[in-house]
N, C-alpha and C. Protein backbone atom coordinates (compact mmCIF):
# COMPACT_ATOMS: atom_id res chain seq x y z
N MET A 1 62.18 78.72 98.40
CA MET A 1 62.85 79.65 99.27
C MET A 1 64.17 79.03 99.73
N GLU A 2 65.18 79.82 99.75
CA GLU A 2 66.49 79.36 100.21
C GLU A 2 66.71 79.78 101.66
N PRO A 3 67.30 78.90 102.46
CA PRO A 3 67.55 79.28 103.85
C PRO A 3 68.52 80.45 103.97
N VAL A 4 68.35 81.24 105.02
CA VAL A 4 69.27 82.32 105.31
C VAL A 4 70.52 81.69 105.92
N GLU A 5 71.68 82.06 105.42
CA GLU A 5 72.93 81.51 105.95
C GLU A 5 73.35 82.28 107.19
N PRO A 6 73.43 81.61 108.35
CA PRO A 6 73.89 82.31 109.54
C PRO A 6 75.36 82.66 109.42
N SER A 7 75.74 83.80 109.97
CA SER A 7 77.14 84.22 109.91
C SER A 7 77.76 84.13 111.29
N GLY A 8 79.02 83.74 111.35
CA GLY A 8 79.73 83.67 112.63
C GLY A 8 79.19 82.60 113.53
N SER A 9 79.24 82.86 114.82
CA SER A 9 78.79 81.91 115.82
C SER A 9 77.32 82.17 116.14
N VAL A 10 76.43 81.40 115.51
CA VAL A 10 75.01 81.58 115.68
C VAL A 10 74.44 80.31 116.31
N SER A 11 73.46 80.47 117.16
CA SER A 11 72.88 79.31 117.85
C SER A 11 72.20 78.36 116.87
N ARG A 12 71.98 77.12 117.33
CA ARG A 12 71.31 76.12 116.51
C ARG A 12 69.88 76.51 116.20
N ALA A 13 69.30 77.41 116.99
CA ALA A 13 67.92 77.83 116.77
C ALA A 13 67.75 78.49 115.41
N LEU A 14 68.80 79.08 114.86
CA LEU A 14 68.70 79.76 113.57
C LEU A 14 68.97 78.82 112.40
N LYS A 15 69.37 77.59 112.66
CA LYS A 15 69.60 76.65 111.57
C LYS A 15 68.26 76.37 110.90
N GLY A 16 68.22 76.49 109.60
CA GLY A 16 66.98 76.27 108.86
C GLY A 16 66.11 77.51 108.75
N LEU A 17 66.60 78.64 109.23
CA LEU A 17 65.83 79.88 109.13
C LEU A 17 65.76 80.32 107.68
N VAL A 18 64.56 80.49 107.17
CA VAL A 18 64.34 80.91 105.78
C VAL A 18 64.09 82.41 105.71
N ARG A 19 63.31 82.92 106.65
CA ARG A 19 63.02 84.35 106.72
C ARG A 19 63.10 84.78 108.17
N PRO A 20 63.93 85.77 108.48
CA PRO A 20 64.06 86.21 109.88
C PRO A 20 62.76 86.83 110.39
N PRO A 21 62.64 86.96 111.70
CA PRO A 21 61.41 87.52 112.28
C PRO A 21 61.06 88.89 111.70
N ALA A 22 59.76 89.07 111.46
CA ALA A 22 59.24 90.34 110.95
C ALA A 22 57.96 90.65 111.70
N LEU A 23 57.70 91.93 111.90
CA LEU A 23 56.50 92.37 112.61
C LEU A 23 55.53 92.98 111.60
N LEU A 24 54.32 92.44 111.57
CA LEU A 24 53.27 92.97 110.70
C LEU A 24 52.63 94.19 111.35
N PRO A 25 51.97 95.04 110.56
CA PRO A 25 51.34 96.24 111.11
C PRO A 25 50.31 95.95 112.21
N ASN A 26 49.68 94.78 112.18
CA ASN A 26 48.66 94.46 113.20
C ASN A 26 49.26 93.87 114.48
N GLY A 27 50.60 93.82 114.59
CA GLY A 27 51.24 93.35 115.80
C GLY A 27 51.60 91.88 115.82
N VAL A 28 51.34 91.16 114.74
CA VAL A 28 51.69 89.74 114.65
C VAL A 28 53.13 89.63 114.16
N GLU A 29 53.96 88.93 114.92
CA GLU A 29 55.35 88.69 114.52
C GLU A 29 55.44 87.26 113.98
N PHE A 30 56.21 87.07 112.91
CA PHE A 30 56.35 85.74 112.33
C PHE A 30 57.76 85.55 111.79
N SER A 31 58.11 84.30 111.55
CA SER A 31 59.35 83.94 110.87
C SER A 31 59.06 82.66 110.09
N VAL A 32 59.95 82.31 109.16
CA VAL A 32 59.75 81.12 108.32
C VAL A 32 60.95 80.20 108.51
N HIS A 33 60.66 78.90 108.73
CA HIS A 33 61.71 77.92 108.99
C HIS A 33 61.48 76.65 108.18
N GLU A 34 62.59 75.99 107.80
CA GLU A 34 62.48 74.64 107.26
C GLU A 34 62.04 73.73 108.40
N VAL A 35 61.41 72.61 108.08
CA VAL A 35 61.00 71.66 109.11
C VAL A 35 62.23 70.94 109.63
N PRO A 36 62.53 71.04 110.93
CA PRO A 36 63.69 70.33 111.48
C PRO A 36 63.48 68.82 111.39
N LYS A 37 64.54 68.09 111.16
CA LYS A 37 64.42 66.63 111.02
C LYS A 37 63.77 65.99 112.24
N GLY A 38 64.13 66.47 113.42
CA GLY A 38 63.56 65.90 114.64
C GLY A 38 62.08 66.18 114.81
N PHE A 39 61.55 67.13 114.09
CA PHE A 39 60.15 67.52 114.19
C PHE A 39 59.29 66.89 113.10
N ALA A 40 59.93 66.41 112.05
CA ALA A 40 59.20 65.90 110.88
C ALA A 40 58.29 64.73 111.22
N ARG A 41 58.73 63.83 112.09
CA ARG A 41 57.91 62.66 112.43
C ARG A 41 56.63 63.08 113.16
N GLU A 42 56.77 64.00 114.12
CA GLU A 42 55.59 64.48 114.85
C GLU A 42 54.63 65.24 113.92
N LEU A 43 55.20 66.00 113.00
CA LEU A 43 54.38 66.74 112.04
C LEU A 43 53.59 65.78 111.15
N ALA A 44 54.21 64.68 110.77
CA ALA A 44 53.53 63.68 109.94
C ALA A 44 52.34 63.06 110.68
N MET A 45 52.42 62.96 112.01
CA MET A 45 51.30 62.43 112.79
C MET A 45 50.14 63.42 112.84
N VAL A 46 50.45 64.72 112.85
CA VAL A 46 49.42 65.74 112.92
C VAL A 46 48.80 65.99 111.55
N LEU A 47 49.64 65.99 110.50
CA LEU A 47 49.19 66.22 109.12
C LEU A 47 49.59 65.02 108.26
N PRO A 48 48.93 63.87 108.44
CA PRO A 48 49.36 62.64 107.76
C PRO A 48 49.23 62.67 106.24
N ASP A 49 48.34 63.47 105.70
CA ASP A 49 48.13 63.48 104.24
C ASP A 49 48.88 64.60 103.54
N VAL A 50 49.79 65.27 104.24
CA VAL A 50 50.51 66.41 103.66
C VAL A 50 51.93 65.98 103.30
N GLU A 51 52.31 66.24 102.05
CA GLU A 51 53.68 65.96 101.59
C GLU A 51 54.61 66.94 102.29
N GLN A 52 55.67 66.42 102.91
CA GLN A 52 56.56 67.29 103.68
C GLN A 52 57.66 67.93 102.86
N ALA A 53 57.91 67.45 101.67
CA ALA A 53 58.94 68.07 100.82
C ALA A 53 58.52 69.51 100.52
N GLY A 54 59.39 70.45 100.80
CA GLY A 54 59.10 71.86 100.54
C GLY A 54 58.18 72.50 101.56
N LEU A 55 57.95 71.82 102.68
CA LEU A 55 57.08 72.35 103.72
C LEU A 55 57.86 73.28 104.64
N PHE A 56 57.24 74.36 105.06
CA PHE A 56 57.86 75.32 105.96
C PHE A 56 56.99 75.49 107.20
N ILE A 57 57.62 75.86 108.29
CA ILE A 57 56.91 76.17 109.54
C ILE A 57 56.95 77.69 109.71
N VAL A 58 55.79 78.27 110.01
CA VAL A 58 55.69 79.71 110.21
C VAL A 58 55.10 79.96 111.61
N PRO A 59 55.96 80.04 112.63
CA PRO A 59 55.44 80.35 113.96
C PRO A 59 55.03 81.82 114.03
N THR A 60 53.98 82.09 114.78
CA THR A 60 53.52 83.47 114.96
C THR A 60 53.49 83.80 116.44
N PHE A 61 53.74 85.07 116.75
CA PHE A 61 53.76 85.55 118.12
C PHE A 61 53.05 86.89 118.17
N GLN A 62 52.39 87.15 119.28
CA GLN A 62 51.79 88.46 119.50
C GLN A 62 51.61 88.70 120.99
N LYS A 63 51.55 89.95 121.37
CA LYS A 63 51.40 90.31 122.77
C LYS A 63 49.95 90.12 123.20
N ALA A 64 49.79 89.65 124.42
CA ALA A 64 48.47 89.48 125.00
C ALA A 64 48.38 90.32 126.27
N ALA A 65 47.23 90.86 126.53
CA ALA A 65 47.02 91.65 127.74
C ALA A 65 46.82 90.76 128.96
N MET A 66 46.33 89.55 128.74
CA MET A 66 46.03 88.64 129.85
C MET A 66 46.94 87.42 129.79
N ASP A 67 47.00 86.69 130.90
CA ASP A 67 47.72 85.42 130.93
C ASP A 67 46.79 84.38 130.30
N LEU A 68 47.15 83.92 129.12
CA LEU A 68 46.25 83.08 128.33
C LEU A 68 46.16 81.63 128.81
N VAL A 69 46.90 81.26 129.84
CA VAL A 69 46.73 79.92 130.41
C VAL A 69 45.56 79.90 131.38
N ASN A 70 45.08 81.06 131.77
CA ASN A 70 43.91 81.14 132.65
C ASN A 70 42.65 80.80 131.85
N ILE A 71 41.55 80.62 132.56
CA ILE A 71 40.27 80.36 131.91
C ILE A 71 39.27 81.41 132.34
N GLY A 72 38.21 81.52 131.57
CA GLY A 72 37.16 82.48 131.87
C GLY A 72 36.74 83.21 130.62
N PRO A 73 35.62 83.90 130.68
CA PRO A 73 35.10 84.57 129.48
C PRO A 73 36.00 85.67 128.94
N ASP A 74 36.66 86.43 129.82
CA ASP A 74 37.55 87.49 129.34
C ASP A 74 38.77 86.91 128.61
N VAL A 75 39.34 85.84 129.16
CA VAL A 75 40.49 85.19 128.52
C VAL A 75 40.06 84.56 127.20
N ALA A 76 38.91 83.91 127.18
CA ALA A 76 38.41 83.30 125.94
C ALA A 76 38.19 84.35 124.86
N SER A 77 37.69 85.50 125.27
CA SER A 77 37.45 86.58 124.31
C SER A 77 38.78 87.09 123.73
N GLU A 78 39.80 87.23 124.58
CA GLU A 78 41.10 87.69 124.07
C GLU A 78 41.73 86.64 123.16
N LYS A 79 41.62 85.37 123.52
CA LYS A 79 42.15 84.31 122.66
C LYS A 79 41.51 84.37 121.27
N ASP A 80 40.19 84.55 121.25
CA ASP A 80 39.48 84.65 119.96
C ASP A 80 39.97 85.84 119.15
N ALA A 81 40.15 86.99 119.81
CA ALA A 81 40.61 88.19 119.10
C ALA A 81 42.02 88.01 118.55
N LEU A 82 42.91 87.38 119.34
CA LEU A 82 44.28 87.16 118.87
C LEU A 82 44.31 86.17 117.71
N LEU A 83 43.50 85.12 117.78
CA LEU A 83 43.44 84.16 116.68
C LEU A 83 42.91 84.83 115.41
N GLU A 84 41.94 85.70 115.55
CA GLU A 84 41.39 86.41 114.39
C GLU A 84 42.45 87.30 113.74
N LYS A 85 43.33 87.92 114.56
CA LYS A 85 44.41 88.74 113.99
C LYS A 85 45.35 87.89 113.13
N VAL A 86 45.67 86.68 113.60
CA VAL A 86 46.55 85.80 112.82
C VAL A 86 45.86 85.38 111.53
N CYS A 87 44.60 85.00 111.62
CA CYS A 87 43.86 84.57 110.43
C CYS A 87 43.72 85.70 109.42
N THR A 88 43.48 86.90 109.89
CA THR A 88 43.38 88.07 109.01
C THR A 88 44.73 88.36 108.35
N ALA A 89 45.81 88.20 109.10
CA ALA A 89 47.14 88.48 108.56
C ALA A 89 47.54 87.48 107.48
N ARG A 90 47.06 86.25 107.55
CA ARG A 90 47.48 85.24 106.58
C ARG A 90 46.63 85.23 105.31
N ARG A 91 45.46 85.86 105.32
CA ARG A 91 44.59 85.85 104.13
C ARG A 91 45.27 86.41 102.89
N PRO A 92 45.92 87.59 102.95
CA PRO A 92 46.58 88.10 101.73
C PRO A 92 47.70 87.18 101.26
N LEU A 93 48.44 86.59 102.19
CA LEU A 93 49.52 85.67 101.82
C LEU A 93 48.96 84.44 101.15
N LYS A 94 47.88 83.91 101.69
CA LYS A 94 47.26 82.70 101.14
C LYS A 94 46.78 82.94 99.71
N SER A 95 46.27 84.12 99.42
CA SER A 95 45.76 84.40 98.07
C SER A 95 46.88 84.62 97.06
N ARG A 96 48.10 84.96 97.53
CA ARG A 96 49.22 85.21 96.61
C ARG A 96 50.22 84.06 96.55
N THR A 97 50.01 83.02 97.33
CA THR A 97 50.98 81.93 97.42
C THR A 97 50.45 80.69 96.74
N PRO A 98 51.23 80.11 95.82
CA PRO A 98 50.77 78.91 95.12
C PRO A 98 50.99 77.65 95.96
N CYS A 99 50.53 77.68 97.20
CA CYS A 99 50.71 76.52 98.07
C CYS A 99 49.52 76.40 99.00
N ARG A 100 49.45 75.26 99.68
CA ARG A 100 48.41 75.05 100.66
C ARG A 100 48.92 75.45 102.04
N MET A 101 48.04 76.02 102.85
CA MET A 101 48.41 76.40 104.21
C MET A 101 47.66 75.52 105.18
N HIS A 102 48.36 75.07 106.22
CA HIS A 102 47.77 74.23 107.24
C HIS A 102 48.01 74.86 108.60
N SER A 103 46.97 74.99 109.38
CA SER A 103 47.10 75.54 110.74
C SER A 103 47.06 74.40 111.74
N VAL A 104 47.99 74.46 112.68
CA VAL A 104 48.03 73.44 113.73
C VAL A 104 48.02 74.14 115.06
């Protein structure tokens, strides 16, 4: 994948952007980024056996009804449901992509 070239005066946050944000039908928003140099060392500590060449970061976002920093059974239930939405959304991609996926 080739990075998207920012045009004009764009913030540093878009440097390394490979795919701009997109919203999936189930409400999960994602984007694809090259691994920033400043983040590569920390990533190597979390995934020590993973080759970083050609590695991309795919952050995901979705709306929550509750404040997820709270604790309790209702919050835990919503966290589980939101995580399941992300896992369900990545299954078709995982089956069509000739690469390994790592969740952190």
